[in-house]
């Protein structure tokens, strides 16, 4: 979690004031999270402005039978 501190009307400082923890109490600051479902993005996807990760996420949310 970060807090924005205004120094002058034109400048500010962003300061980390807390850590994000998982329900198990693990910090995700160093290593991030491992996704439940991995979806690769190719150079072709980027060039064509496709988003297979978002497409998969939407498909999972619409699937009442999806299990991790």
N, C-alpha and C. Protein backbone atom coordinates (compact mmCIF):
# COMPACT_ATOMS: atom_id res chain seq x y z
N UNK A 1 0.85 -1.15 0.00
CA UNK A 1 0.00 0.00 0.00
C UNK A 1 0.90 1.23 0.00
N UNK A 2 0.51 2.25 -0.76
CA UNK A 2 1.32 3.46 -0.84
C UNK A 2 0.50 4.69 -0.52
N UNK A 3 1.19 5.69 -0.02
CA UNK A 3 0.56 6.97 0.31
C UNK A 3 1.25 8.05 -0.50
N UNK A 4 0.48 8.96 -1.06
CA UNK A 4 1.01 10.08 -1.83
C UNK A 4 1.07 11.30 -0.92
N UNK A 5 2.27 11.85 -0.76
CA UNK A 5 2.47 13.02 0.09
C UNK A 5 2.82 14.20 -0.79
N UNK A 6 2.00 15.24 -0.75
CA UNK A 6 2.26 16.43 -1.56
C UNK A 6 3.38 17.23 -0.93
N UNK A 7 4.41 17.55 -1.73
CA UNK A 7 5.53 18.35 -1.27
C UNK A 7 5.27 19.82 -1.62
N UNK A 8 4.95 20.04 -2.89
CA UNK A 8 4.52 21.36 -3.38
C UNK A 8 3.32 21.10 -4.28
N UNK A 9 2.64 22.14 -4.77
CA UNK A 9 1.53 21.88 -5.69
C UNK A 9 1.95 21.13 -6.96
N UNK A 10 3.24 21.19 -7.31
CA UNK A 10 3.72 20.53 -8.53
C UNK A 10 4.42 19.20 -8.28
N UNK A 11 4.76 18.90 -7.04
CA UNK A 11 5.52 17.68 -6.76
C UNK A 11 4.91 16.90 -5.61
N UNK A 12 5.17 15.60 -5.62
CA UNK A 12 4.70 14.75 -4.52
C UNK A 12 5.66 13.58 -4.36
N UNK A 13 5.51 12.89 -3.26
CA UNK A 13 6.34 11.75 -2.92
C UNK A 13 5.43 10.56 -2.64
N UNK A 14 5.73 9.42 -3.26
CA UNK A 14 4.95 8.21 -3.01
C UNK A 14 5.74 7.33 -2.05
N UNK A 15 5.15 7.01 -0.91
CA UNK A 15 5.83 6.26 0.14
C UNK A 15 5.05 4.98 0.43
N UNK A 16 5.78 3.87 0.47
CA UNK A 16 5.16 2.60 0.86
C UNK A 16 4.92 2.61 2.36
N UNK A 17 3.66 2.37 2.75
CA UNK A 17 3.30 2.46 4.17
C UNK A 17 2.84 1.12 4.75
N UNK A 18 2.65 0.12 3.89
CA UNK A 18 2.18 -1.18 4.37
C UNK A 18 2.53 -2.26 3.36
N UNK A 19 2.45 -3.51 3.76
CA UNK A 19 2.68 -4.65 2.87
C UNK A 19 1.35 -5.34 2.58
N UNK A 20 1.28 -5.92 1.39
CA UNK A 20 0.14 -6.78 1.07
C UNK A 20 0.49 -8.19 1.49
N UNK A 21 -0.39 -8.83 2.22
CA UNK A 21 -0.18 -10.20 2.66
C UNK A 21 -1.31 -11.09 2.16
N UNK A 22 -0.97 -12.34 1.88
CA UNK A 22 -1.99 -13.31 1.51
C UNK A 22 -2.77 -13.71 2.76
N UNK A 23 -3.89 -14.43 2.61
CA UNK A 23 -4.62 -14.89 3.80
C UNK A 23 -3.76 -15.75 4.73
N UNK A 24 -2.70 -16.37 4.18
CA UNK A 24 -1.80 -17.18 5.00
C UNK A 24 -0.71 -16.34 5.66
N UNK A 25 -0.73 -15.02 5.44
CA UNK A 25 0.25 -14.14 6.05
C UNK A 25 1.55 -13.99 5.27
N UNK A 26 1.59 -14.48 4.03
CA UNK A 26 2.80 -14.38 3.22
C UNK A 26 2.83 -13.06 2.45
N UNK A 27 4.00 -12.44 2.41
CA UNK A 27 4.16 -11.19 1.66
C UNK A 27 4.29 -11.51 0.18
N UNK A 28 3.63 -10.73 -0.68
CA UNK A 28 3.74 -10.92 -2.12
C UNK A 28 4.64 -9.87 -2.75
N UNK A 29 5.29 -9.05 -1.92
CA UNK A 29 6.10 -7.95 -2.42
C UNK A 29 7.30 -8.42 -3.24
N UNK A 30 7.97 -9.46 -2.83
CA UNK A 30 9.18 -9.91 -3.51
C UNK A 30 8.91 -10.78 -4.73
N UNK A 31 8.00 -11.74 -4.60
CA UNK A 31 7.81 -12.75 -5.64
C UNK A 31 6.50 -12.65 -6.40
N UNK A 32 5.60 -11.81 -5.98
CA UNK A 32 4.31 -11.70 -6.65
C UNK A 32 3.44 -12.92 -6.39
N UNK A 33 2.48 -13.14 -7.27
CA UNK A 33 1.55 -14.26 -7.13
C UNK A 33 1.70 -15.20 -8.31
N UNK A 34 1.44 -16.46 -8.09
CA UNK A 34 1.41 -17.45 -9.16
C UNK A 34 -0.04 -17.60 -9.59
N UNK A 35 -0.34 -17.39 -10.88
CA UNK A 35 -1.73 -17.49 -11.32
C UNK A 35 -2.25 -18.93 -11.23
N UNK A 36 -3.54 -19.07 -10.98
CA UNK A 36 -4.17 -20.39 -10.98
C UNK A 36 -4.21 -20.96 -12.39
N UNK A 37 -4.40 -20.09 -13.38
CA UNK A 37 -4.46 -20.50 -14.78
C UNK A 37 -3.46 -19.63 -15.54
N UNK A 38 -2.48 -20.26 -16.17
CA UNK A 38 -1.48 -19.51 -16.94
C UNK A 38 -1.94 -19.40 -18.39
N UNK A 39 -1.84 -18.19 -18.94
CA UNK A 39 -2.18 -17.95 -20.34
C UNK A 39 -1.04 -17.12 -20.93
N UNK A 40 -0.38 -17.67 -21.92
CA UNK A 40 0.74 -16.97 -22.55
C UNK A 40 0.24 -15.90 -23.51
N UNK A 41 1.00 -14.83 -23.62
CA UNK A 41 0.73 -13.79 -24.60
C UNK A 41 1.87 -13.82 -25.61
N UNK A 42 1.53 -13.90 -26.88
CA UNK A 42 2.55 -13.95 -27.93
C UNK A 42 2.79 -12.56 -28.51
N UNK A 43 3.86 -12.44 -29.25
CA UNK A 43 4.17 -11.19 -29.94
C UNK A 43 3.03 -10.85 -30.91
N UNK A 44 2.48 -11.87 -31.56
CA UNK A 44 1.36 -11.68 -32.48
C UNK A 44 0.14 -11.11 -31.75
N UNK A 45 -0.13 -11.61 -30.54
CA UNK A 45 -1.25 -11.08 -29.74
C UNK A 45 -1.05 -9.59 -29.49
N UNK A 46 0.17 -9.22 -29.12
CA UNK A 46 0.47 -7.81 -28.83
C UNK A 46 0.31 -6.97 -30.08
N UNK A 47 0.86 -7.43 -31.19
CA UNK A 47 0.77 -6.69 -32.45
C UNK A 47 -0.68 -6.50 -32.90
N UNK A 48 -1.51 -7.51 -32.67
CA UNK A 48 -2.91 -7.44 -33.08
C UNK A 48 -3.82 -6.90 -31.98
N UNK A 49 -3.20 -6.46 -30.86
CA UNK A 49 -3.93 -5.90 -29.72
C UNK A 49 -4.97 -6.88 -29.17
N UNK A 50 -4.58 -8.16 -29.14
CA UNK A 50 -5.43 -9.20 -28.56
C UNK A 50 -5.06 -9.37 -27.09
N UNK A 51 -5.98 -9.85 -26.30
CA UNK A 51 -5.72 -10.04 -24.87
C UNK A 51 -6.23 -11.41 -24.44
N UNK A 52 -5.44 -12.47 -24.75
CA UNK A 52 -5.90 -13.82 -24.40
C UNK A 52 -6.05 -14.04 -22.89
N UNK A 53 -5.31 -13.30 -22.08
CA UNK A 53 -5.46 -13.44 -20.63
C UNK A 53 -6.83 -12.94 -20.17
N UNK A 54 -7.23 -11.79 -20.69
CA UNK A 54 -8.56 -11.26 -20.34
C UNK A 54 -9.65 -12.16 -20.89
N UNK A 55 -9.46 -12.65 -22.12
CA UNK A 55 -10.45 -13.55 -22.72
C UNK A 55 -10.64 -14.80 -21.86
N UNK A 56 -9.53 -15.37 -21.38
CA UNK A 56 -9.61 -16.57 -20.54
C UNK A 56 -10.27 -16.26 -19.21
N UNK A 57 -9.92 -15.11 -18.62
CA UNK A 57 -10.53 -14.72 -17.34
C UNK A 57 -12.04 -14.59 -17.47
N UNK A 58 -12.49 -13.96 -18.54
CA UNK A 58 -13.93 -13.79 -18.75
C UNK A 58 -14.59 -15.15 -18.96
N UNK A 59 -13.94 -16.03 -19.73
CA UNK A 59 -14.50 -17.36 -19.97
C UNK A 59 -14.63 -18.14 -18.65
N UNK A 60 -13.62 -18.03 -17.79
CA UNK A 60 -13.67 -18.72 -16.49
C UNK A 60 -14.80 -18.16 -15.63
N UNK A 61 -14.94 -16.85 -15.61
CA UNK A 61 -16.00 -16.23 -14.80
C UNK A 61 -17.39 -16.62 -15.27
N UNK A 62 -17.52 -16.88 -16.57
CA UNK A 62 -18.82 -17.27 -17.12
C UNK A 62 -19.10 -18.76 -16.98
N UNK A 63 -18.08 -19.55 -16.62
CA UNK A 63 -18.21 -21.01 -16.54
C UNK A 63 -18.55 -21.43 -15.10
N UNK A 64 -19.81 -21.79 -14.84
CA UNK A 64 -20.18 -22.17 -13.47
C UNK A 64 -19.52 -23.47 -13.01
N UNK A 65 -18.98 -24.26 -13.94
CA UNK A 65 -18.36 -25.53 -13.59
C UNK A 65 -16.85 -25.44 -13.43
N UNK A 66 -16.28 -24.24 -13.58
CA UNK A 66 -14.82 -24.10 -13.49
C UNK A 66 -14.32 -24.44 -12.10
N UNK A 67 -13.27 -25.25 -12.05
CA UNK A 67 -12.62 -25.61 -10.79
C UNK A 67 -11.14 -25.29 -10.92
N UNK A 68 -10.55 -24.79 -9.82
CA UNK A 68 -9.10 -24.52 -9.84
C UNK A 68 -8.33 -25.79 -9.77
